[in-house]
Amino acid sequence: MELFRSHCYSIYCNSLWSRYKVATMNRLKVCHNDTLKRLLGLSRWCSLSMAFARNGVNNLDVIRRHSVFSLRSRVELSTNSIITSVRQSSAYVCGPIQQRWLGLLFVQNVG
């Protein structure tokens, strides 16, 4: 599990991703899940919900939310003048990255 955490949690700069197709993200999720299944010797077609929980491993959505929350928190709390200027700009407030962050952090359940 340490191997999985060290290699599959480090999706560098994923908190800055703002332009991608849903199909691309779905393929990444499948790859992430298939990697864990192979490490655990599970069938490709089995559900991973219990495997994630039992092994204390996060799924890709949780990893991405954590990355976004961490970066957004650092940006919001920064006293650096350059970061403050960017944070106050309309590009930051209304831009695609902020919209993606809000969509990841505040998931709405429909139904």
PDB file of N, CA and C in Angstrom:
ATOM      1  N   MET A   1       0.811  -1.186   0.000  1.00  0.00           N
ATOM      2  CA  MET A   1       0.000   0.000   0.000  1.00  0.00           C
ATOM      3  C   MET A   1       0.863   1.263   0.000  1.00  0.00           C
ATOM      4  N   GLU A   2       2.023   1.180   0.625  1.00  0.00           N
ATOM      5  CA  GLU A   2       2.921   2.345   0.601  1.00  0.00           C
ATOM      6  C   GLU A   2       3.373   2.647  -0.825  1.00  0.00           C
ATOM      7  N   LEU A   3       3.630   1.606  -1.595  1.00  0.00           N
ATOM      8  CA  LEU A   3       4.000   1.779  -2.991  1.00  0.00           C
ATOM      9  C   LEU A   3       2.878   2.486  -3.752  1.00  0.00           C
ATOM     10  N   PHE A   4       1.664   2.038  -3.533  1.00  0.00           N
ATOM     11  CA  PHE A   4       0.513   2.645  -4.197  1.00  0.00           C
ATOM     12  C   PHE A   4       0.367   4.110  -3.786  1.00  0.00           C
ATOM     13  N   ARG A   5       0.441   4.373  -2.468  1.00  0.00           N
ATOM     14  CA  ARG A   5       0.309   5.756  -1.985  1.00  0.00           C
ATOM     15  C   ARG A   5       1.399   6.659  -2.553  1.00  0.00           C
ATOM     16  N   SER A   6       2.633   6.179  -2.534  1.00  0.00           N
ATOM     17  CA  SER A   6       3.737   7.039  -2.963  1.00  0.00           C
ATOM     18  C   SER A   6       3.713   7.324  -4.463  1.00  0.00           C
ATOM     19  N   HIS A   7       3.210   6.391  -5.260  1.00  0.00           N
ATOM     20  CA  HIS A   7       3.216   6.599  -6.706  1.00  0.00           C
ATOM     21  C   HIS A   7       1.879   7.067  -7.263  1.00  0.00           C
ATOM     22  N   CYS A   8       0.790   6.698  -6.640  1.00  0.00           N
ATOM     23  CA  CYS A   8      -0.521   7.033  -7.206  1.00  0.00           C
ATOM     24  C   CYS A   8      -1.187   8.230  -6.524  1.00  0.00           C
ATOM     25  N   TYR A   9      -0.630   8.701  -5.416  1.00  0.00           N
ATOM     26  CA  TYR A   9      -1.162   9.912  -4.793  1.00  0.00           C
ATOM     27  C   TYR A   9      -0.474  11.146  -5.355  1.00  0.00           C
ATOM     28  N   SER A  10       0.684  10.974  -5.944  1.00  0.00           N
ATOM     29  CA  SER A  10       1.479  12.104  -6.417  1.00  0.00           C
ATOM     30  C   SER A  10       1.118  12.460  -7.848  1.00  0.00           C
ATOM     31  N   ILE A  11      -0.040  13.029  -8.012  1.00  0.00           N
ATOM     32  CA  ILE A  11      -0.476  13.486  -9.323  1.00  0.00           C
ATOM     33  C   ILE A  11      -0.198  14.982  -9.337  1.00  0.00           C
ATOM     34  N   TYR A  12       1.033  15.294  -9.684  1.00  0.00           N
ATOM     35  CA  TYR A  12       1.531  16.651  -9.548  1.00  0.00           C
ATOM     36  C   TYR A  12       0.687  17.667 -10.296  1.00  0.00           C
ATOM     37  N   CYS A  13       0.407  18.757  -9.615  1.00  0.00           N
ATOM     38  CA  CYS A  13      -0.317  19.906 -10.175  1.00  0.00           C
ATOM     39  C   CYS A  13      -1.757  19.585 -10.548  1.00  0.00           C
ATOM     40  N   ASN A  14      -2.318  18.484 -10.068  1.00  0.00           N
ATOM     41  CA  ASN A  14      -3.692  18.160 -10.445  1.00  0.00           C
ATOM     42  C   ASN A  14      -4.676  19.207  -9.943  1.00  0.00           C
ATOM     43  N   SER A  15      -4.315  19.947  -8.920  1.00  0.00           N
ATOM     44  CA  SER A  15      -5.200  20.995  -8.424  1.00  0.00           C
ATOM     45  C   SER A  15      -5.299  22.163  -9.402  1.00  0.00           C
ATOM     46  N   LEU A  16      -4.391  22.239 -10.357  1.00  0.00           N
ATOM     47  CA  LEU A  16      -4.423  23.307 -11.358  1.00  0.00           C
ATOM     48  C   LEU A  16      -5.112  22.885 -12.661  1.00  0.00           C
ATOM     49  N   TRP A  17      -5.518  21.635 -12.741  1.00  0.00           N
ATOM     50  CA  TRP A  17      -6.201  21.191 -13.948  1.00  0.00           C
ATOM     51  C   TRP A  17      -7.552  21.880 -14.035  1.00  0.00           C
ATOM     52  N   SER A  18      -7.815  22.521 -15.143  1.00  0.00           N
ATOM     53  CA  SER A  18      -9.118  23.154 -15.308  1.00  0.00           C
ATOM     54  C   SER A  18      -9.765  22.797 -16.646  1.00  0.00           C
ATOM     55  N   ARG A  19      -8.970  22.357 -17.591  1.00  0.00           N
ATOM     56  CA  ARG A  19      -9.506  22.028 -18.910  1.00  0.00           C
ATOM     57  C   ARG A  19      -9.205  20.571 -19.232  1.00  0.00           C
ATOM     58  N   TYR A  20     -10.207  19.762 -19.151  1.00  0.00           N
ATOM     59  CA  TYR A  20     -10.075  18.366 -19.531  1.00  0.00           C
ATOM     60  C   TYR A  20     -11.456  17.817 -19.821  1.00  0.00           C
ATOM     61  N   LYS A  21     -11.493  16.782 -20.592  1.00  0.00           N
ATOM     62  CA  LYS A  21     -12.759  16.142 -20.913  1.00  0.00           C
ATOM     63  C   LYS A  21     -13.116  15.172 -19.800  1.00  0.00           C
ATOM     64  N   VAL A  22     -14.394  15.019 -19.565  1.00  0.00           N
ATOM     65  CA  VAL A  22     -14.866  14.061 -18.563  1.00  0.00           C
ATOM     66  C   VAL A  22     -14.372  12.667 -18.899  1.00  0.00           C
ATOM     67  N   ALA A  23     -14.357  12.322 -20.172  1.00  0.00           N
ATOM     68  CA  ALA A  23     -13.887  10.998 -20.598  1.00  0.00           C
ATOM     69  C   ALA A  23     -12.423  10.790 -20.223  1.00  0.00           C
ATOM     70  N   THR A  24     -11.631  11.840 -20.312  1.00  0.00           N
ATOM     71  CA  THR A  24     -10.213  11.735 -19.938  1.00  0.00           C
ATOM     72  C   THR A  24     -10.078  11.463 -18.447  1.00  0.00           C
ATOM     73  N   MET A  25     -10.851  12.173 -17.633  1.00  0.00           N
ATOM     74  CA  MET A  25     -10.802  11.956 -16.181  1.00  0.00           C
ATOM     75  C   MET A  25     -11.314  10.558 -15.841  1.00  0.00           C
ATOM     76  N   ASN A  26     -12.318  10.087 -16.546  1.00  0.00           N
ATOM     77  CA  ASN A  26     -12.829   8.739 -16.289  1.00  0.00           C
ATOM     78  C   ASN A  26     -11.780   7.680 -16.611  1.00  0.00           C
ATOM     79  N   ARG A  27     -11.023   7.876 -17.694  1.00  0.00           N
ATOM     80  CA  ARG A  27      -9.947   6.937 -18.029  1.00  0.00           C
ATOM     81  C   ARG A  27      -8.866   6.938 -16.959  1.00  0.00           C
ATOM     82  N   LEU A  28      -8.556   8.122 -16.423  1.00  0.00           N
ATOM     83  CA  LEU A  28      -7.573   8.214 -15.343  1.00  0.00           C
ATOM     84  C   LEU A  28      -8.065   7.473 -14.099  1.00  0.00           C
ATOM     85  N   LYS A  29      -9.344   7.608 -13.780  1.00  0.00           N
ATOM     86  CA  LYS A  29      -9.924   6.897 -12.627  1.00  0.00           C
ATOM     87  C   LYS A  29      -9.850   5.380 -12.824  1.00  0.00           C
ATOM     88  N   VAL A  30     -10.161   4.924 -14.022  1.00  0.00           N
ATOM     89  CA  VAL A  30     -10.095   3.490 -14.319  1.00  0.00           C
ATOM     90  C   VAL A  30      -8.669   2.987 -14.151  1.00  0.00           C
ATOM     91  N   CYS A  31      -7.708   3.737 -14.648  1.00  0.00           N
ATOM     92  CA  CYS A  31      -6.299   3.366 -14.522  1.00  0.00           C
ATOM     93  C   CYS A  31      -5.891   3.304 -13.046  1.00  0.00           C
ATOM     94  N   HIS A  32      -6.300   4.302 -12.276  1.00  0.00           N
ATOM     95  CA  HIS A  32      -6.008   4.355 -10.837  1.00  0.00           C
ATOM     96  C   HIS A  32      -6.600   3.119 -10.138  1.00  0.00           C
ATOM     97  N   ASN A  33      -7.858   2.826 -10.434  1.00  0.00           N
ATOM     98  CA  ASN A  33      -8.527   1.683  -9.818  1.00  0.00           C
ATOM     99  C   ASN A  33      -7.907   0.358 -10.248  1.00  0.00           C
ATOM    100  N   ASP A  34      -7.606   0.239 -11.534  1.00  0.00           N
ATOM    101  CA  ASP A  34      -7.002  -1.009 -12.027  1.00  0.00           C
ATOM    102  C   ASP A  34      -5.640  -1.266 -11.400  1.00  0.00           C
ATOM    103  N   THR A  35      -4.889  -0.203 -11.149  1.00  0.00           N
ATOM    104  CA  THR A  35      -3.580  -0.355 -10.497  1.00  0.00           C
ATOM    105  C   THR A  35      -3.743  -0.948  -9.111  1.00  0.00           C
ATOM    106  N   LEU A  36      -4.705  -0.418  -8.339  1.00  0.00           N
ATOM    107  CA  LEU A  36      -4.944  -0.961  -6.996  1.00  0.00           C
ATOM    108  C   LEU A  36      -5.423  -2.412  -7.074  1.00  0.00           C
ATOM    109  N   LYS A  37      -6.295  -2.697  -8.004  1.00  0.00           N
ATOM    110  CA  LYS A  37      -6.792  -4.074  -8.142  1.00  0.00           C
ATOM    111  C   LYS A  37      -5.656  -5.048  -8.434  1.00  0.00           C
ATOM    112  N   ARG A  38      -4.732  -4.649  -9.299  1.00  0.00           N
ATOM    113  CA  ARG A  38      -3.595  -5.527  -9.615  1.00  0.00           C
ATOM    114  C   ARG A  38      -2.702  -5.735  -8.397  1.00  0.00           C
ATOM    115  N   LEU A  39      -2.455  -4.670  -7.643  1.00  0.00           N
ATOM    116  CA  LEU A  39      -1.623  -4.801  -6.443  1.00  0.00           C
ATOM    117  C   LEU A  39      -2.260  -5.718  -5.408  1.00  0.00           C
ATOM    118  N   LEU A  40      -3.590  -5.696  -5.338  1.00  0.00           N
ATOM    119  CA  LEU A  40      -4.299  -6.528  -4.365  1.00  0.00           C
ATOM    120  C   LEU A  40      -4.676  -7.900  -4.920  1.00  0.00           C
ATOM    121  N   GLY A  41      -4.411  -8.123  -6.204  1.00  0.00           N
ATOM    122  CA  GLY A  41      -4.752  -9.405  -6.820  1.00  0.00           C
ATOM    123  C   GLY A  41      -6.244  -9.599  -7.003  1.00  0.00           C
ATOM    124  N   LEU A  42      -6.973  -8.521  -7.195  1.00  0.00           N
ATOM    125  CA  LEU A  42      -8.427  -8.593  -7.362  1.00  0.00           C
ATOM    126  C   LEU A  42      -8.791  -8.659  -8.834  1.00  0.00           C
ATOM    127  N   SER A  43      -9.970  -9.182  -9.104  1.00  0.00           N
ATOM    128  CA  SER A  43     -10.488  -9.239 -10.463  1.00  0.00           C
ATOM    129  C   SER A  43     -10.699  -7.823 -10.993  1.00  0.00           C
ATOM    130  N   ARG A  44     -10.492  -7.656 -12.272  1.00  0.00           N
ATOM    131  CA  ARG A  44     -10.659  -6.339 -12.899  1.00  0.00           C
ATOM    132  C   ARG A  44     -12.096  -5.837 -12.765  1.00  0.00           C
ATOM    133  N   TRP A  45     -13.040  -6.743 -12.593  1.00  0.00           N
ATOM    134  CA  TRP A  45     -14.462  -6.379 -12.595  1.00  0.00           C
ATOM    135  C   TRP A  45     -15.050  -6.223 -11.200  1.00  0.00           C
ATOM    136  N   CYS A  46     -14.272  -6.399 -10.147  1.00  0.00           N
ATOM    137  CA  CYS A  46     -14.831  -6.287  -8.798  1.00  0.00           C
ATOM    138  C   CYS A  46     -14.905  -4.824  -8.360  1.00  0.00           C
ATOM    139  N   SER A  47     -15.769  -4.557  -7.381  1.00  0.00           N
ATOM    140  CA  SER A  47     -15.922  -3.213  -6.846  1.00  0.00           C
ATOM    141  C   SER A  47     -14.770  -2.919  -5.888  1.00  0.00           C
ATOM    142  N   LEU A  48     -14.325  -1.688  -5.887  1.00  0.00           N
ATOM    143  CA  LEU A  48     -13.180  -1.336  -5.051  1.00  0.00           C
ATOM    144  C   LEU A  48     -13.537  -0.561  -3.785  1.00  0.00           C
ATOM    145  N   SER A  49     -14.785  -0.242  -3.578  1.00  0.00           N
ATOM    146  CA  SER A  49     -15.160   0.581  -2.430  1.00  0.00           C
ATOM    147  C   SER A  49     -14.623   0.013  -1.120  1.00  0.00           C
ATOM    148  N   MET A  50     -14.854  -1.262  -0.888  1.00  0.00           N
ATOM    149  CA  MET A  50     -14.406  -1.899   0.349  1.00  0.00           C
ATOM    150  C   MET A  50     -12.876  -2.002   0.379  1.00  0.00           C
ATOM    151  N   ALA A  51     -12.256  -2.264  -0.752  1.00  0.00           N
ATOM    152  CA  ALA A  51     -10.791  -2.376  -0.811  1.00  0.00           C
ATOM    153  C   ALA A  51     -10.130  -1.046  -0.447  1.00  0.00           C
ATOM    154  N   PHE A  52     -10.680   0.059  -0.932  1.00  0.00           N
ATOM    155  CA  PHE A  52     -10.146   1.370  -0.561  1.00  0.00           C
ATOM    156  C   PHE A  52     -10.245   1.562   0.951  1.00  0.00           C
ATOM    157  N   ALA A  53     -11.412   1.258   1.510  1.00  0.00           N
ATOM    158  CA  ALA A  53     -11.628   1.452   2.944  1.00  0.00           C
ATOM    159  C   ALA A  53     -10.750   0.529   3.795  1.00  0.00           C
ATOM    160  N   ARG A  54     -10.716  -0.740   3.470  1.00  0.00           N
ATOM    161  CA  ARG A  54      -9.943  -1.706   4.257  1.00  0.00           C
ATOM    162  C   ARG A  54      -8.445  -1.418   4.260  1.00  0.00           C
ATOM    163  N   ASN A  55      -7.951  -0.879   3.160  1.00  0.00           N
ATOM    164  CA  ASN A  55      -6.514  -0.645   3.030  1.00  0.00           C
ATOM    165  C   ASN A  55      -6.103   0.794   3.332  1.00  0.00           C
ATOM    166  N   GLY A  56      -7.059   1.607   3.743  1.00  0.00           N
ATOM    167  CA  GLY A  56      -6.754   2.986   4.090  1.00  0.00           C
ATOM    168  C   GLY A  56      -6.200   3.783   2.917  1.00  0.00           C
ATOM    169  N   VAL A  57      -6.753   3.521   1.737  1.00  0.00           N
ATOM    170  CA  VAL A  57      -6.291   4.168   0.519  1.00  0.00           C
ATOM    171  C   VAL A  57      -7.410   5.072   0.001  1.00  0.00           C
ATOM    172  N   ASN A  58      -7.043   6.234  -0.495  1.00  0.00           N
ATOM    173  CA  ASN A  58      -8.021   7.163  -1.051  1.00  0.00           C
ATOM    174  C   ASN A  58      -8.242   6.898  -2.533  1.00  0.00           C
ATOM    175  N   ASN A  59      -9.485   7.115  -2.964  1.00  0.00           N
ATOM    176  CA  ASN A  59      -9.742   7.020  -4.400  1.00  0.00           C
ATOM    177  C   ASN A  59      -9.313   8.326  -5.067  1.00  0.00           C
ATOM    178  N   LEU A  60      -9.353   8.367  -6.370  1.00  0.00           N
ATOM    179  CA  LEU A  60      -8.834   9.512  -7.113  1.00  0.00           C
ATOM    180  C   LEU A  60      -9.596  10.796  -6.794  1.00  0.00           C
ATOM    181  N   ASP A  61     -10.904  10.708  -6.602  1.00  0.00           N
ATOM    182  CA  ASP A  61     -11.679  11.908  -6.271  1.00  0.00           C
ATOM    183  C   ASP A  61     -11.227  12.510  -4.948  1.00  0.00           C
ATOM    184  N   VAL A  62     -10.982  11.684  -3.962  1.00  0.00           N
ATOM    185  CA  VAL A  62     -10.524  12.165  -2.648  1.00  0.00           C
ATOM    186  C   VAL A  62      -9.129  12.777  -2.767  1.00  0.00           C
ATOM    187  N   ILE A  63      -8.256  12.135  -3.519  1.00  0.00           N
ATOM    188  CA  ILE A  63      -6.896  12.664  -3.720  1.00  0.00           C
ATOM    189  C   ILE A  63      -6.968  14.039  -4.359  1.00  0.00           C
ATOM    190  N   ARG A  64      -7.787  14.186  -5.372  1.00  0.00           N
ATOM    191  CA  ARG A  64      -7.906  15.479  -6.060  1.00  0.00           C
ATOM    192  C   ARG A  64      -8.525  16.538  -5.150  1.00  0.00           C
ATOM    193  N   ARG A  65      -9.571  16.183  -4.396  1.00  0.00           N
ATOM    194  CA  ARG A  65     -10.177  17.160  -3.474  1.00  0.00           C
ATOM    195  C   ARG A  65      -9.171  17.618  -2.427  1.00  0.00           C
ATOM    196  N   HIS A  66      -8.391  16.689  -1.910  1.00  0.00           N
ATOM    197  CA  HIS A  66      -7.374  17.041  -0.917  1.00  0.00           C
ATOM    198  C   HIS A  66      -6.347  18.003  -1.517  1.00  0.00           C
ATOM    199  N   SER A  67      -5.893  17.728  -2.737  1.00  0.00           N
ATOM    200  CA  SER A  67      -4.920  18.594  -3.400  1.00  0.00           C
ATOM    201  C   SER A  67      -5.482  19.991  -3.628  1.00  0.00           C
ATOM    202  N   VAL A  68      -6.722  20.050  -4.082  1.00  0.00           N
ATOM    203  CA  VAL A  68      -7.369  21.344  -4.329  1.00  0.00           C
ATOM    204  C   VAL A  68      -7.548  22.107  -3.026  1.00  0.00           C
ATOM    205  N   PHE A  69      -8.039  21.437  -1.996  1.00  0.00           N
ATOM    206  CA  PHE A  69      -8.249  22.102  -0.712  1.00  0.00           C
ATOM    207  C   PHE A  69      -6.934  22.627  -0.148  1.00  0.00           C
ATOM    208  N   SER A  70      -5.882  21.834  -0.250  1.00  0.00           N
ATOM    209  CA  SER A  70      -4.577  22.232   0.261  1.00  0.00           C
ATOM    210  C   SER A  70      -4.049  23.470  -0.457  1.00  0.00           C
ATOM    211  N   LEU A  71      -4.074  23.453  -1.795  1.00  0.00           N
ATOM    212  CA  LEU A  71      -3.574  24.605  -2.552  1.00  0.00           C
ATOM    213  C   LEU A  71      -4.445  25.829  -2.329  1.00  0.00           C
ATOM    214  N   ARG A  72      -5.760  25.651  -2.380  1.00  0.00           N
ATOM    215  CA  ARG A  72      -6.676  26.781  -2.194  1.00  0.00           C
ATOM    216  C   ARG A  72      -6.500  27.399  -0.812  1.00  0.00           C
ATOM    217  N   SER A  73      -6.319  26.593   0.198  1.00  0.00           N
ATOM    218  CA  SER A  73      -6.098  27.101   1.559  1.00  0.00           C
ATOM    219  C   SER A  73      -4.817  27.916   1.635  1.00  0.00           C
ATOM    220  N   ARG A  74      -3.761  27.412   1.017  1.00  0.00           N
ATOM    221  CA  ARG A  74      -2.490  28.145   1.031  1.00  0.00           C
ATOM    222  C   ARG A  74      -2.613  29.476   0.296  1.00  0.00           C
ATOM    223  N   VAL A  75      -3.316  29.476  -0.826  1.00  0.00           N
ATOM    224  CA  VAL A  75      -3.516  30.722  -1.582  1.00  0.00           C
ATOM    225  C   VAL A  75      -4.337  31.709  -0.761  1.00  0.00           C
ATOM    226  N   GLU A  76      -5.408  31.258  -0.159  1.00  0.00           N
ATOM    227  CA  GLU A  76      -6.289  32.139   0.611  1.00  0.00           C
ATOM    228  C   GLU A  76      -5.602  32.712   1.849  1.00  0.00           C
ATOM    229  N   LEU A  77      -4.691  31.972   2.451  1.00  0.00           N
ATOM    230  CA  LEU A  77      -4.033  32.421   3.685  1.00  0.00           C
ATOM    231  C   LEU A  77      -2.708  33.137   3.442  1.00  0.00           C
ATOM    232  N   SER A  78      -2.246  33.152   2.202  1.00  0.00           N
ATOM    233  CA  SER A  78      -0.940  33.736   1.904  1.00  0.00           C
ATOM    234  C   SER A  78      -0.943  35.252   2.099  1.00  0.00           C
ATOM    235  N   THR A  79       0.157  35.742   2.642  1.00  0.00           N
ATOM    236  CA  THR A  79       0.341  37.186   2.789  1.00  0.00           C
ATOM    237  C   THR A  79       1.312  37.727   1.746  1.00  0.00           C
ATOM    238  N   ASN A  80       1.789  36.868   0.874  1.00  0.00           N
ATOM    239  CA  ASN A  80       2.692  37.279  -0.200  1.00  0.00           C
ATOM    240  C   ASN A  80       1.963  38.269  -1.107  1.00  0.00           C
ATOM    241  N   SER A  81       2.611  39.387  -1.426  1.00  0.00           N
ATOM    242  CA  SER A  81       1.956  40.441  -2.204  1.00  0.00           C
ATOM    243  C   SER A  81       1.567  39.990  -3.614  1.00  0.00           C
ATOM    244  N   ILE A  82       2.382  39.164  -4.222  1.00  0.00           N
ATOM    245  CA  ILE A  82       2.064  38.682  -5.574  1.00  0.00           C
ATOM    246  C   ILE A  82       0.849  37.754  -5.523  1.00  0.00           C
ATOM    247  N   ILE A  83       0.855  36.829  -4.595  1.00  0.00           N
ATOM    248  CA  ILE A  83      -0.274  35.902  -4.473  1.00  0.00           C
ATOM    249  C   ILE A  83      -1.541  36.659  -4.084  1.00  0.00           C
ATOM    250  N   THR A  84      -1.419  37.660  -3.225  1.00  0.00           N
ATOM    251  CA  THR A  84      -2.571  38.478  -2.841  1.00  0.00           C
ATOM    252  C   THR A  84      -3.145  39.192  -4.058  1.00  0.00           C
ATOM    253  N   SER A  85      -2.281  39.732  -4.906  1.00  0.00           N
ATOM    254  CA  SER A  85      -2.742  40.417  -6.126  1.00  0.00           C
ATOM    255  C   SER A  85      -3.480  39.449  -7.053  1.00  0.00           C
ATOM    256  N   VAL A  86      -2.924  38.275  -7.220  1.00  0.00           N
ATOM    257  CA  VAL A  86      -3.572  37.266  -8.066  1.00  0.00           C
ATOM    258  C   VAL A  86      -4.907  36.859  -7.455  1.00  0.00           C
ATOM    259  N   ARG A  87      -4.919  36.633  -6.150  1.00  0.00           N
ATOM    260  CA  ARG A  87      -6.132  36.206  -5.453  1.00  0.00           C
ATOM    261  C   ARG A  87      -7.255  37.230  -5.593  1.00  0.00           C
ATOM    262  N   GLN A  88      -6.919  38.496  -5.677  1.00  0.00           N
ATOM    263  CA  GLN A  88      -7.918  39.562  -5.778  1.00  0.00           C
ATOM    264  C   GLN A  88      -8.324  39.865  -7.219  1.00  0.00           C
ATOM    265  N   SER A  89      -7.675  39.235  -8.175  1.00  0.00           N
ATOM    266  CA  SER A  89      -7.974  39.502  -9.582  1.00  0.00           C
ATOM    267  C   SER A  89      -9.238  38.752 -10.013  1.00  0.00           C
ATOM    268  N   SER A  90      -9.889  39.292 -11.038  1.00  0.00           N
ATOM    269  CA  SER A  90     -11.088  38.629 -11.555  1.00  0.00           C
ATOM    270  C   SER A  90     -10.732  37.290 -12.216  1.00  0.00           C
ATOM    271  N   ALA A  91      -9.509  37.186 -12.730  1.00  0.00           N
ATOM    272  CA  ALA A  91      -9.073  35.925 -13.342  1.00  0.00           C
ATOM    273  C   ALA A  91      -9.074  34.803 -12.309  1.00  0.00           C
ATOM    274  N   TYR A  92      -8.713  35.122 -11.078  1.00  0.00           N
ATOM    275  CA  TYR A  92      -8.719  34.113 -10.011  1.00  0.00           C
ATOM    276  C   TYR A  92     -10.134  33.869  -9.516  1.00  0.00           C
ATOM    277  N   VAL A  93     -10.849  34.943  -9.248  1.00  0.00           N
ATOM    278  CA  VAL A  93     -12.179  34.839  -8.647  1.00  0.00           C
ATOM    279  C   VAL A  93     -13.170  34.159  -9.588  1.00  0.00           C
ATOM    280  N   CYS A  94     -13.131  34.491 -10.862  1.00  0.00           N
ATOM    281  CA  CYS A  94     -14.121  33.991 -11.826  1.00  0.00           C
ATOM    282  C   CYS A  94     -13.548  33.026 -12.856  1.00  0.00           C
ATOM    283  N   GLY A  95     -12.291  32.713 -12.753  1.00  0.00           N
ATOM    284  CA  GLY A  95     -11.622  31.902 -13.763  1.00  0.00           C
ATOM    285  C   GLY A  95     -11.981  30.432 -13.724  1.00  0.00           C
ATOM    286  N   PRO A  96     -11.512  29.688 -14.724  1.00  0.00           N
ATOM    287  CA  PRO A  96     -11.848  28.266 -14.828  1.00  0.00           C
ATOM    288  C   PRO A  96     -11.267  27.409 -13.694  1.00  0.00           C
ATOM    289  N   ILE A  97     -10.126  27.795 -13.164  1.00  0.00           N
ATOM    290  CA  ILE A  97      -9.548  26.996 -12.072  1.00  0.00           C
ATOM    291  C   ILE A  97     -10.421  27.117 -10.825  1.00  0.00           C
ATOM    292  N   GLN A  98     -10.817  28.336 -10.499  1.00  0.00           N
ATOM    293  CA  GLN A  98     -11.686  28.548  -9.324  1.00  0.00           C
ATOM    294  C   GLN A  98     -13.013  27.807  -9.500  1.00  0.00           C
ATOM    295  N   GLN A  99     -13.574  27.833 -10.687  1.00  0.00           N
ATOM    296  CA  GLN A  99     -14.832  27.133 -10.952  1.00  0.00           C
ATOM    297  C   GLN A  99     -14.656  25.623 -10.778  1.00  0.00           C
ATOM    298  N   ARG A 100     -13.533  25.091 -11.259  1.00  0.00           N
ATOM    299  CA  ARG A 100     -13.269  23.663 -11.116  1.00  0.00           C
ATOM    300  C   ARG A 100     -13.078  23.316  -9.643  1.00  0.00           C
ATOM    301  N   TRP A 101     -12.352  24.183  -8.917  1.00  0.00           N
ATOM    302  CA  TRP A 101     -12.142  23.948  -7.482  1.00  0.00           C
ATOM    303  C   TRP A 101     -13.469  23.882  -6.747  1.00  0.00           C
ATOM    304  N   LEU A 102     -14.322  24.833  -6.996  1.00  0.00           N
ATOM    305  CA  LEU A 102     -15.615  24.852  -6.316  1.00  0.00           C
ATOM    306  C   LEU A 102     -16.433  23.624  -6.672  1.00  0.00           C
ATOM    307  N   GLY A 103     -16.353  23.195  -7.919  1.00  0.00           N
ATOM    308  CA  GLY A 103     -17.064  21.989  -8.333  1.00  0.00           C
ATOM    309  C   GLY A 103     -16.538  20.742  -7.639  1.00  0.00           C
ATOM    310  N   LEU A 104     -15.247  20.686  -7.380  1.00  0.00           N
ATOM    311  CA  LEU A 104     -14.662  19.531  -6.687  1.00  0.00           C
ATOM    312  C   LEU A 104     -14.920  19.561  -5.190  1.00  0.00           C
ATOM    313  N   LEU A 105     -14.833  20.750  -4.599  1.00  0.00           N
ATOM    314  CA  LEU A 105     -14.948  20.857  -3.148  1.00  0.00           C
ATOM    315  C   LEU A 105     -16.385  20.802  -2.660  1.00  0.00           C
ATOM    316  N   PHE A 106     -17.292  21.304  -3.454  1.00  0.00           N
ATOM    317  CA  PHE A 106     -18.687  21.375  -3.040  1.00  0.00           C
ATOM    318  C   PHE A 106     -19.537  20.542  -3.978  1.00  0.00           C
ATOM    319  N   VAL A 107     -19.380  19.233  -3.874  1.00  0.00           N
ATOM    320  CA  VAL A 107     -20.101  18.293  -4.716  1.00  0.00           C
ATOM    321  C   VAL A 107     -21.562  18.309  -4.304  1.00  0.00           C
ATOM    322  N   GLN A 108     -22.429  18.468  -5.293  1.00  0.00           N
ATOM    323  CA  GLN A 108     -23.865  18.482  -5.022  1.00  0.00           C
ATOM    324  C   GLN A 108     -24.452  17.141  -5.409  1.00  0.00           C
ATOM    325  N   ASN A 109     -25.159  16.541  -4.476  1.00  0.00           N
ATOM    326  CA  ASN A 109     -25.849  15.284  -4.767  1.00  0.00           C
ATOM    327  C   ASN A 109     -27.188  15.609  -5.402  1.00  0.00           C
ATOM    328  N   VAL A 110     -27.418  15.054  -6.568  1.00  0.00           N
ATOM    329  CA  VAL A 110     -28.658  15.278  -7.265  1.00  0.00           C
ATOM    330  C   VAL A 110     -29.511  14.029  -7.111  1.00  0.00           C
ATOM    331  N   GLY A 111     -30.759  14.232  -6.725  1.00  0.00           N
ATOM    332  CA  GLY A 111     -31.648  13.085  -6.641  1.00  0.00           C
ATOM    333  C   GLY A 111     -32.203  12.906  -5.356  1.00  0.00           C
TER     334      GLY A 111
END
